[in-house]
C-alpha atoms as a PDB file:
ATOM      1  CA  UNK A   1      13.780   8.426   1.208  1.00  0.00           C
ATOM      2  CA  UNK A   2      11.211   6.530   3.289  1.00  0.00           C
ATOM      3  CA  UNK A   3      11.564   2.780   3.700  1.00  0.00           C
ATOM      4  CA  UNK A   4       8.729   0.935   1.970  1.00  0.00           C
ATOM      5  CA  UNK A   5       7.366  -2.204   3.627  1.00  0.00           C
ATOM      6  CA  UNK A   6       4.376  -4.428   2.958  1.00  0.00           C
ATOM      7  CA  UNK A   7       3.182  -6.529   5.878  1.00  0.00           C
ATOM      8  CA  UNK A   8       0.970  -9.488   5.007  1.00  0.00           C
ATOM      9  CA  UNK A   9      -1.165 -11.494   7.435  1.00  0.00           C
ATOM     10  CA  UNK A  10      -2.460 -14.814   6.120  1.00  0.00           C
ATOM     11  CA  UNK A  11      -5.622 -15.826   7.980  1.00  0.00           C
ATOM     12  CA  UNK A  12      -6.961 -19.365   8.502  1.00  0.00           C
ATOM     13  CA  UNK A  13     -10.032 -18.615   6.359  1.00  0.00           C
ATOM     14  CA  UNK A  14      -7.793 -17.948   3.344  1.00  0.00           C
ATOM     15  CA  UNK A  15      -7.974 -14.169   3.398  1.00  0.00           C
ATOM     16  CA  UNK A  16      -4.892 -11.972   3.445  1.00  0.00           C
ATOM     17  CA  UNK A  17      -4.611  -8.615   5.198  1.00  0.00           C
ATOM     18  CA  UNK A  18      -1.955  -6.241   3.899  1.00  0.00           C
ATOM     19  CA  UNK A  19      -0.513  -3.083   5.380  1.00  0.00           C
ATOM     20  CA  UNK A  20       1.630  -0.998   3.040  1.00  0.00           C
ATOM     21  CA  UNK A  21       3.940   1.340   4.945  1.00  0.00           C
ATOM     22  CA  UNK A  22       6.034   4.156   3.503  1.00  0.00           C
ATOM     23  CA  UNK A  23       4.009   4.415   0.283  1.00  0.00           C
ATOM     24  CA  UNK A  24       2.197   7.526  -0.917  1.00  0.00           C
ATOM     25  CA  UNK A  25      -0.798   7.660  -3.233  1.00  0.00           C
ATOM     26  CA  UNK A  26      -1.451   4.842  -5.716  1.00  0.00           C
ATOM     27  CA  UNK A  27       2.017   3.284  -5.315  1.00  0.00           C
ATOM     28  CA  UNK A  28       0.799   0.895  -2.630  1.00  0.00           C
ATOM     29  CA  UNK A  29      -2.100  -0.430  -4.703  1.00  0.00           C
ATOM     30  CA  UNK A  30       0.030  -1.515  -7.641  1.00  0.00           C
ATOM     31  CA  UNK A  31       2.760  -3.040  -5.469  1.00  0.00           C
ATOM     32  CA  UNK A  32       0.319  -5.015  -3.281  1.00  0.00           C
ATOM     33  CA  UNK A  33      -1.560  -6.224  -6.376  1.00  0.00           C
ATOM     34  CA  UNK A  34       1.718  -7.343  -7.951  1.00  0.00           C
ATOM     35  CA  UNK A  35       2.602  -9.415  -4.875  1.00  0.00           C
ATOM     36  CA  UNK A  36      -0.881 -10.936  -4.486  1.00  0.00           C
ATOM     37  CA  UNK A  37      -1.023 -11.856  -8.186  1.00  0.00           C
ATOM     38  CA  UNK A  38       2.363 -13.559  -7.981  1.00  0.00           C
ATOM     39  CA  UNK A  39       1.138 -15.647  -5.028  1.00  0.00           C
ATOM     40  CA  UNK A  40      -2.219 -16.562  -6.577  1.00  0.00           C
ATOM     41  CA  UNK A  41      -3.211 -15.300 -10.046  1.00  0.00           C
ATOM     42  CA  UNK A  42      -6.860 -16.195  -9.314  1.00  0.00           C
ATOM     43  CA  UNK A  43      -7.049 -14.211  -6.073  1.00  0.00           C
ATOM     44  CA  UNK A  44     -10.018 -11.869  -5.769  1.00  0.00           C
ATOM     45  CA  UNK A  45     -10.109  -8.530  -3.987  1.00  0.00           C
ATOM     46  CA  UNK A  46     -12.905  -8.549  -1.412  1.00  0.00           C
ATOM     47  CA  UNK A  47     -12.437  -5.297   0.458  1.00  0.00           C
ATOM     48  CA  UNK A  48     -10.019  -2.387   0.529  1.00  0.00           C
ATOM     49  CA  UNK A  49      -9.399   0.303   3.155  1.00  0.00           C
ATOM     50  CA  UNK A  50      -7.015   3.174   2.546  1.00  0.00           C
ATOM     51  CA  UNK A  51      -4.900   5.061   5.064  1.00  0.00           C
ATOM     52  CA  UNK A  52      -4.552   8.874   4.854  1.00  0.00           C
ATOM     53  CA  UNK A  53      -1.247   8.481   2.975  1.00  0.00           C
ATOM     54  CA  UNK A  54      -3.172   7.055   0.018  1.00  0.00           C
ATOM     55  CA  UNK A  55      -4.815  10.427  -0.544  1.00  0.00           C
ATOM     56  CA  UNK A  56      -1.491  12.270  -0.743  1.00  0.00           C
ATOM     57  CA  UNK A  57       0.508  12.562  -3.910  1.00  0.00           C
ATOM     58  CA  UNK A  58       4.261  12.064  -4.088  1.00  0.00           C
ATOM     59  CA  UNK A  59       4.920  15.793  -4.543  1.00  0.00           C
ATOM     60  CA  UNK A  60       2.951  16.770  -1.427  1.00  0.00           C
ATOM     61  CA  UNK A  61       4.564  14.054   0.695  1.00  0.00           C
ATOM     62  CA  UNK A  62       8.092  15.069  -0.296  1.00  0.00           C
ATOM     63  CA  UNK A  63       7.660  18.835  -0.078  1.00  0.00           C
ATOM     64  CA  UNK A  64       9.183  20.929   2.679  1.00  0.00           C
ATOM     65  CA  UNK A  65       7.751  24.187   3.966  1.00  0.00           C
ATOM     66  CA  UNK A  66      10.111  27.156   3.812  1.00  0.00           C
ATOM     67  CA  UNK A  67       9.510  30.186   5.991  1.00  0.00           C
ATOM     68  CA  UNK A  68      10.968  33.629   5.383  1.00  0.00           C
END
């Protein structure tokens, strides 16, 4: 099982950058949103960039190729 980590960088202008590591697919979105909402329920999402892992699904990420 891959370790899941969310790094958060709080900037002087009030914005927060997040980097979700070890997540696959939509898992990162819900977990980051949960954390942000707990810090500030009125926080607004301004921009979102996804890493390649976002476009994988859990089955693809956990599968292993078998050769015969």
